[in-house]
All heavy atoms as atom14 arrays in JSON, in Angstrom:
{
  "sequence": "SNLADYPVAAAVAASAAVPLAFAPVVIETFPQQC",
  "atom14_mask": [
    [1, 1, 1, 1, 1, 1, 0, 0, 0, 0, 0, 0, 0, 0],
    [1, 1, 1, 1, 1, 1, 1, 1, 0, 0, 0, 0, 0, 0],
    [1, 1, 1, 1, 1, 1, 1, 1, 0, 0, 0, 0, 0, 0],
    [1, 1, 1, 1, 1, 0, 0, 0, 0, 0, 0, 0, 0, 0],
    [1, 1, 1, 1, 1, 1, 1, 1, 0, 0, 0, 0, 0, 0],
    [1, 1, 1, 1, 1, 1, 1, 1, 1, 1, 1, 1, 0, 0],
    [1, 1, 1, 1, 1, 1, 1, 0, 0, 0, 0, 0, 0, 0],
    [1, 1, 1, 1, 1, 1, 1, 0, 0, 0, 0, 0, 0, 0],
    [1, 1, 1, 1, 1, 0, 0, 0, 0, 0, 0, 0, 0, 0],
    [1, 1, 1, 1, 1, 0, 0, 0, 0, 0, 0, 0, 0, 0],
    [1, 1, 1, 1, 1, 0, 0, 0, 0, 0, 0, 0, 0, 0],
    [1, 1, 1, 1, 1, 1, 1, 0, 0, 0, 0, 0, 0, 0],
    [1, 1, 1, 1, 1, 0, 0, 0, 0, 0, 0, 0, 0, 0],
    [1, 1, 1, 1, 1, 0, 0, 0, 0, 0, 0, 0, 0, 0],
    [1, 1, 1, 1, 1, 1, 0, 0, 0, 0, 0, 0, 0, 0],
    [1, 1, 1, 1, 1, 0, 0, 0, 0, 0, 0, 0, 0, 0],
    [1, 1, 1, 1, 1, 0, 0, 0, 0, 0, 0, 0, 0, 0],
    [1, 1, 1, 1, 1, 1, 1, 0, 0, 0, 0, 0, 0, 0],
    [1, 1, 1, 1, 1, 1, 1, 0, 0, 0, 0, 0, 0, 0],
    [1, 1, 1, 1, 1, 1, 1, 1, 0, 0, 0, 0, 0, 0],
    [1, 1, 1, 1, 1, 0, 0, 0, 0, 0, 0, 0, 0, 0],
    [1, 1, 1, 1, 1, 1, 1, 1, 1, 1, 1, 0, 0, 0],
    [1, 1, 1, 1, 1, 0, 0, 0, 0, 0, 0, 0, 0, 0],
    [1, 1, 1, 1, 1, 1, 1, 0, 0, 0, 0, 0, 0, 0],
    [1, 1, 1, 1, 1, 1, 1, 0, 0, 0, 0, 0, 0, 0],
    [1, 1, 1, 1, 1, 1, 1, 0, 0, 0, 0, 0, 0, 0],
    [1, 1, 1, 1, 1, 1, 1, 1, 0, 0, 0, 0, 0, 0],
    [1, 1, 1, 1, 1, 1, 1, 1, 1, 0, 0, 0, 0, 0],
    [1, 1, 1, 1, 1, 1, 1, 0, 0, 0, 0, 0, 0, 0],
    [1, 1, 1, 1, 1, 1, 1, 1, 1, 1, 1, 0, 0, 0],
    [1, 1, 1, 1, 1, 1, 1, 0, 0, 0, 0, 0, 0, 0],
    [1, 1, 1, 1, 1, 1, 1, 1, 1, 0, 0, 0, 0, 0],
    [1, 1, 1, 1, 1, 1, 1, 1, 1, 0, 0, 0, 0, 0],
    [1, 1, 1, 1, 1, 1, 0, 0, 0, 0, 0, 0, 0, 0]
  ],
  "atom14_positions": [
    [[11.19, -10.08, 1.43], [11.84, -9.13, 0.54], [12.82, -8.28, 1.32], [12.73, -8.15, 2.54], [10.8, -8.24, -0.15], [11.39, -7.4, -1.11], [0.0, 0.0, 0.0], [0.0, 0.0, 0.0], [0.0, 0.0, 0.0], [0.0, 0.0, 0.0], [0.0, 0.0, 0.0], [0.0, 0.0, 0.0], [0.0, 0.0, 0.0], [0.0, 0.0, 0.0]],
    [[13.76, -7.68, 0.6], [14.85, -6.91, 1.21], [14.51, -5.42, 1.23], [14.53, -4.75, 0.2], [16.14, -7.16, 0.42], [17.33, -6.5, 1.06], [17.24, -5.96, 2.16], [18.46, -6.54, 0.37], [0.0, 0.0, 0.0], [0.0, 0.0, 0.0], [0.0, 0.0, 0.0], [0.0, 0.0, 0.0], [0.0, 0.0, 0.0], [0.0, 0.0, 0.0]],
    [[14.18, -4.89, 2.41], [13.83, -3.48, 2.53], [15.04, -2.58, 2.29], [14.91, -1.49, 1.71], [13.24, -3.21, 3.92], [12.92, -1.75, 4.24], [11.85, -1.2, 3.3], [12.48, -1.61, 5.69], [0.0, 0.0, 0.0], [0.0, 0.0, 0.0], [0.0, 0.0, 0.0], [0.0, 0.0, 0.0], [0.0, 0.0, 0.0], [0.0, 0.0, 0.0]],
    [[16.21, -2.99, 2.72], [17.4, -2.12, 2.66], [17.69, -1.65, 1.23], [18.19, -0.54, 1.03], [18.61, -2.84, 3.22], [0.0, 0.0, 0.0], [0.0, 0.0, 0.0], [0.0, 0.0, 0.0], [0.0, 0.0, 0.0], [0.0, 0.0, 0.0], [0.0, 0.0, 0.0], [0.0, 0.0, 0.0], [0.0, 0.0, 0.0], [0.0, 0.0, 0.0]],
    [[17.38, -2.46, 0.23], [17.67, -2.1, -1.16], [16.53, -1.35, -1.83], [16.65, -0.96, -3.0], [17.97, -3.36, -1.98], [19.31, -4.0, -1.59], [20.16, -3.28, -1.05], [19.48, -5.21, -1.82], [0.0, 0.0, 0.0], [0.0, 0.0, 0.0], [0.0, 0.0, 0.0], [0.0, 0.0, 0.0], [0.0, 0.0, 0.0], [0.0, 0.0, 0.0]],
    [[15.43, -1.14, -1.14], [14.27, -0.51, -1.79], [14.45, 1.0, -1.83], [14.83, 1.63, -0.83], [12.98, -0.87, -1.03], [11.73, -0.59, -1.85], [11.35, -1.46, -2.87], [10.96, 0.54, -1.62], [10.22, -1.21, -3.63], [9.83, 0.8, -2.37], [9.46, -0.08, -3.38], [8.34, 0.17, -4.14], [0.0, 0.0, 0.0], [0.0, 0.0, 0.0]],
    [[14.18, 1.65, -2.97], [14.39, 3.1, -3.08], [13.41, 3.88, -2.21], [12.21, 3.61, -2.2], [14.13, 3.38, -4.57], [14.26, 2.05, -5.26], [13.8, 1.04, -4.26], [0.0, 0.0, 0.0], [0.0, 0.0, 0.0], [0.0, 0.0, 0.0], [0.0, 0.0, 0.0], [0.0, 0.0, 0.0], [0.0, 0.0, 0.0], [0.0, 0.0, 0.0]],
    [[13.93, 4.87, -1.52], [13.08, 5.74, -0.71], [12.08, 6.46, -1.6], [10.9, 6.61, -1.24], [13.94, 6.75, 0.08], [13.07, 7.79, 0.78], [14.83, 6.03, 1.09], [0.0, 0.0, 0.0], [0.0, 0.0, 0.0], [0.0, 0.0, 0.0], [0.0, 0.0, 0.0], [0.0, 0.0, 0.0], [0.0, 0.0, 0.0], [0.0, 0.0, 0.0]],
    [[12.51, 6.93, -2.76], [11.62, 7.65, -3.67], [10.45, 6.78, -4.11], [9.34, 7.29, -4.32], [12.39, 8.14, -4.9], [0.0, 0.0, 0.0], [0.0, 0.0, 0.0], [0.0, 0.0, 0.0], [0.0, 0.0, 0.0], [0.0, 0.0, 0.0], [0.0, 0.0, 0.0], [0.0, 0.0, 0.0], [0.0, 0.0, 0.0], [0.0, 0.0, 0.0]],
    [[10.67, 5.48, -4.26], [9.59, 4.59, -4.67], [8.54, 4.46, -3.58], [7.34, 4.42, -3.85], [10.15, 3.21, -5.03], [0.0, 0.0, 0.0], [0.0, 0.0, 0.0], [0.0, 0.0, 0.0], [0.0, 0.0, 0.0], [0.0, 0.0, 0.0], [0.0, 0.0, 0.0], [0.0, 0.0, 0.0], [0.0, 0.0, 0.0], [0.0, 0.0, 0.0]],
    [[8.98, 4.39, -2.32], [8.04, 4.32, -1.2], [7.22, 5.6, -1.1], [6.01, 5.58, -0.89], [8.79, 4.06, 0.1], [0.0, 0.0, 0.0], [0.0, 0.0, 0.0], [0.0, 0.0, 0.0], [0.0, 0.0, 0.0], [0.0, 0.0, 0.0], [0.0, 0.0, 0.0], [0.0, 0.0, 0.0], [0.0, 0.0, 0.0], [0.0, 0.0, 0.0]],
    [[7.88, 6.74, -1.26], [7.18, 8.03, -1.2], [6.2, 8.15, -2.37], [5.07, 8.64, -2.2], [8.19, 9.19, -1.21], [7.49, 10.53, -1.38], [9.01, 9.19, 0.08], [0.0, 0.0, 0.0], [0.0, 0.0, 0.0], [0.0, 0.0, 0.0], [0.0, 0.0, 0.0], [0.0, 0.0, 0.0], [0.0, 0.0, 0.0], [0.0, 0.0, 0.0]],
    [[6.59, 7.69, -3.55], [5.68, 7.72, -4.7], [4.46, 6.86, -4.45], [3.34, 7.23, -4.84], [6.42, 7.26, -5.96], [0.0, 0.0, 0.0], [0.0, 0.0, 0.0], [0.0, 0.0, 0.0], [0.0, 0.0, 0.0], [0.0, 0.0, 0.0], [0.0, 0.0, 0.0], [0.0, 0.0, 0.0], [0.0, 0.0, 0.0], [0.0, 0.0, 0.0]],
    [[4.63, 5.73, -3.8], [3.48, 4.88, -3.45], [2.59, 5.58, -2.44], [1.36, 5.55, -2.54], [3.97, 3.55, -2.89], [0.0, 0.0, 0.0], [0.0, 0.0, 0.0], [0.0, 0.0, 0.0], [0.0, 0.0, 0.0], [0.0, 0.0, 0.0], [0.0, 0.0, 0.0], [0.0, 0.0, 0.0], [0.0, 0.0, 0.0], [0.0, 0.0, 0.0]],
    [[3.19, 6.23, -1.47], [2.42, 6.92, -0.44], [1.58, 8.05, -1.02], [0.53, 8.39, -0.47], [3.38, 7.48, 0.63], [2.68, 8.1, 1.68], [0.0, 0.0, 0.0], [0.0, 0.0, 0.0], [0.0, 0.0, 0.0], [0.0, 0.0, 0.0], [0.0, 0.0, 0.0], [0.0, 0.0, 0.0], [0.0, 0.0, 0.0], [0.0, 0.0, 0.0]],
    [[2.04, 8.63, -2.14], [1.37, 9.78, -2.76], [0.6, 9.41, -4.02], [0.17, 10.3, -4.76], [2.39, 10.87, -3.07], [0.0, 0.0, 0.0], [0.0, 0.0, 0.0], [0.0, 0.0, 0.0], [0.0, 0.0, 0.0], [0.0, 0.0, 0.0], [0.0, 0.0, 0.0], [0.0, 0.0, 0.0], [0.0, 0.0, 0.0], [0.0, 0.0, 0.0]],
    [[0.42, 8.12, -4.29], [-0.19, 7.69, -5.55], [-1.71, 7.81, -5.48], [-2.43, 6.87, -5.14], [0.22, 6.25, -5.86], [0.0, 0.0, 0.0], [0.0, 0.0, 0.0], [0.0, 0.0, 0.0], [0.0, 0.0, 0.0], [0.0, 0.0, 0.0], [0.0, 0.0, 0.0], [0.0, 0.0, 0.0], [0.0, 0.0, 0.0], [0.0, 0.0, 0.0]],
    [[-2.21, 8.98, -5.82], [-3.65, 9.23, -5.8], [-4.33, 8.39, -6.88], [-3.85, 8.32, -8.01], [-3.93, 10.72, -6.04], [-5.42, 11.0, -6.11], [-3.29, 11.54, -4.94], [0.0, 0.0, 0.0], [0.0, 0.0, 0.0], [0.0, 0.0, 0.0], [0.0, 0.0, 0.0], [0.0, 0.0, 0.0], [0.0, 0.0, 0.0], [0.0, 0.0, 0.0]],
    [[-5.46, 7.75, -6.54], [-6.17, 6.94, -7.54], [-6.5, 7.74, -8.8], [-6.82, 8.92, -8.74], [-7.45, 6.53, -6.8], [-7.08, 6.58, -5.35], [-6.1, 7.71, -5.22], [0.0, 0.0, 0.0], [0.0, 0.0, 0.0], [0.0, 0.0, 0.0], [0.0, 0.0, 0.0], [0.0, 0.0, 0.0], [0.0, 0.0, 0.0], [0.0, 0.0, 0.0]],
    [[-6.38, 7.1, -9.94], [-6.61, 7.64, -11.27], [-5.45, 8.51, -11.74], [-5.03, 8.39, -12.88], [-7.92, 8.44, -11.35], [-9.2, 7.65, -11.09], [-10.42, 8.54, -11.33], [-9.29, 6.41, -11.95], [0.0, 0.0, 0.0], [0.0, 0.0, 0.0], [0.0, 0.0, 0.0], [0.0, 0.0, 0.0], [0.0, 0.0, 0.0], [0.0, 0.0, 0.0]],
    [[-4.93, 9.4, -10.89], [-3.77, 10.18, -11.3], [-2.57, 9.26, -11.49], [-1.71, 9.51, -12.33], [-3.45, 11.26, -10.29], [0.0, 0.0, 0.0], [0.0, 0.0, 0.0], [0.0, 0.0, 0.0], [0.0, 0.0, 0.0], [0.0, 0.0, 0.0], [0.0, 0.0, 0.0], [0.0, 0.0, 0.0], [0.0, 0.0, 0.0], [0.0, 0.0, 0.0]],
    [[-2.49, 8.2, -10.67], [-1.39, 7.24, -10.75], [-1.95, 5.82, -10.81], [-2.98, 5.51, -10.2], [-0.48, 7.33, -9.52], [0.31, 8.6, -9.44], [-0.19, 9.71, -8.78], [1.56, 8.7, -10.04], [0.53, 10.89, -8.7], [2.29, 9.88, -9.97], [1.77, 10.97, -9.3], [0.0, 0.0, 0.0], [0.0, 0.0, 0.0], [0.0, 0.0, 0.0]],
    [[-1.26, 4.97, -11.56], [-1.54, 3.55, -11.48], [-0.98, 3.01, -10.17], [-0.02, 3.56, -9.63], [-0.89, 2.83, -12.67], [0.0, 0.0, 0.0], [0.0, 0.0, 0.0], [0.0, 0.0, 0.0], [0.0, 0.0, 0.0], [0.0, 0.0, 0.0], [0.0, 0.0, 0.0], [0.0, 0.0, 0.0], [0.0, 0.0, 0.0], [0.0, 0.0, 0.0]],
    [[-1.56, 1.95, -9.63], [-1.06, 1.41, -8.36], [0.42, 1.03, -8.44], [0.89, 0.49, -9.44], [-1.93, 0.17, -8.13], [-3.19, 0.45, -8.89], [-2.76, 1.24, -10.1], [0.0, 0.0, 0.0], [0.0, 0.0, 0.0], [0.0, 0.0, 0.0], [0.0, 0.0, 0.0], [0.0, 0.0, 0.0], [0.0, 0.0, 0.0], [0.0, 0.0, 0.0]],
    [[1.15, 1.35, -7.37], [2.53, 0.9, -7.23], [2.5, -0.57, -6.81], [1.68, -0.97, -5.99], [3.28, 1.76, -6.19], [4.67, 1.21, -5.93], [3.36, 3.2, -6.68], [0.0, 0.0, 0.0], [0.0, 0.0, 0.0], [0.0, 0.0, 0.0], [0.0, 0.0, 0.0], [0.0, 0.0, 0.0], [0.0, 0.0, 0.0], [0.0, 0.0, 0.0]],
    [[3.4, -1.37, -7.39], [3.34, -2.82, -7.21], [4.53, -3.31, -6.39], [5.68, -2.93, -6.64], [3.34, -3.54, -8.58], [3.25, -5.05, -8.39], [2.16, -3.04, -9.44], [0.0, 0.0, 0.0], [0.0, 0.0, 0.0], [0.0, 0.0, 0.0], [0.0, 0.0, 0.0], [0.0, 0.0, 0.0], [0.0, 0.0, 0.0], [0.0, 0.0, 0.0]],
    [[4.22, -4.14, -5.39], [5.24, -4.84, -4.59], [5.03, -6.34, -4.79], [3.91, -6.84, -4.64], [5.09, -4.5, -3.09], [5.27, -3.01, -2.85], [6.08, -5.31, -2.26], [6.68, -2.51, -3.0], [0.0, 0.0, 0.0], [0.0, 0.0, 0.0], [0.0, 0.0, 0.0], [0.0, 0.0, 0.0], [0.0, 0.0, 0.0], [0.0, 0.0, 0.0]],
    [[6.09, -7.05, -5.12], [5.98, -8.5, -5.34], [6.27, -9.24, -4.04], [7.15, -8.86, -3.26], [6.96, -8.95, -6.42], [6.8, -10.41, -6.8], [7.63, -10.81, -8.0], [8.34, -9.93, -8.55], [7.58, -11.99, -8.4], [0.0, 0.0, 0.0], [0.0, 0.0, 0.0], [0.0, 0.0, 0.0], [0.0, 0.0, 0.0], [0.0, 0.0, 0.0]],
    [[5.51, -10.3, -3.79], [5.76, -11.15, -2.63], [6.57, -12.37, -3.06], [6.44, -12.86, -4.18], [4.44, -11.61, -1.98], [3.72, -12.45, -2.9], [3.58, -10.41, -1.61], [0.0, 0.0, 0.0], [0.0, 0.0, 0.0], [0.0, 0.0, 0.0], [0.0, 0.0, 0.0], [0.0, 0.0, 0.0], [0.0, 0.0, 0.0], [0.0, 0.0, 0.0]],
    [[7.4, -12.88, -2.14], [8.27, -14.03, -2.44], [8.13, -15.09, -1.34], [9.12, -15.44, -0.68], [9.73, -13.58, -2.54], [9.97, -12.5, -3.56], [10.08, -11.17, -3.17], [10.07, -12.81, -4.9], [10.31, -10.17, -4.09], [10.31, -11.81, -5.84], [10.43, -10.49, -5.44], [0.0, 0.0, 0.0], [0.0, 0.0, 0.0], [0.0, 0.0, 0.0]],
    [[6.94, -15.61, -1.1], [6.76, -16.57, 0.01], [7.59, -17.83, -0.15], [7.96, -18.47, 0.84], [5.26, -16.87, -0.02], [4.83, -16.54, -1.42], [5.69, -15.39, -1.84], [0.0, 0.0, 0.0], [0.0, 0.0, 0.0], [0.0, 0.0, 0.0], [0.0, 0.0, 0.0], [0.0, 0.0, 0.0], [0.0, 0.0, 0.0], [0.0, 0.0, 0.0]],
    [[7.92, -18.19, -1.4], [8.71, -19.4, -1.63], [10.16, -19.22, -1.18], [10.89, -20.2, -1.01], [8.67, -19.79, -3.11], [9.42, -18.84, -4.04], [8.66, -17.57, -4.37], [7.55, -17.36, -3.88], [9.25, -16.72, -5.21], [0.0, 0.0, 0.0], [0.0, 0.0, 0.0], [0.0, 0.0, 0.0], [0.0, 0.0, 0.0], [0.0, 0.0, 0.0]],
    [[10.59, -17.97, -0.97], [11.96, -17.72, -0.57], [12.22, -18.01, 0.9], [13.37, -18.2, 1.3], [12.33, -16.26, -0.86], [12.31, -15.89, -2.33], [13.41, -16.6, -3.1], [13.14, -17.32, -4.05], [14.64, -16.42, -2.68], [0.0, 0.0, 0.0], [0.0, 0.0, 0.0], [0.0, 0.0, 0.0], [0.0, 0.0, 0.0], [0.0, 0.0, 0.0]],
    [[11.18, -17.96, 1.72], [11.35, -18.23, 3.15], [10.13, -18.99, 3.64], [9.13, -18.37, 4.01], [11.59, -16.95, 3.95], [10.45, -15.6, 3.61], [0.0, 0.0, 0.0], [0.0, 0.0, 0.0], [0.0, 0.0, 0.0], [0.0, 0.0, 0.0], [0.0, 0.0, 0.0], [0.0, 0.0, 0.0], [0.0, 0.0, 0.0], [0.0, 0.0, 0.0]]
  ]
}
């Protein structure tokens, strides 16, 4: 996956996603791409 295009705010939101207060943040894997 391409890190350069990933939003900084999305990474910070994942880092602060307390269980129950937030649903898990989802990252998709693309093993077929490489």
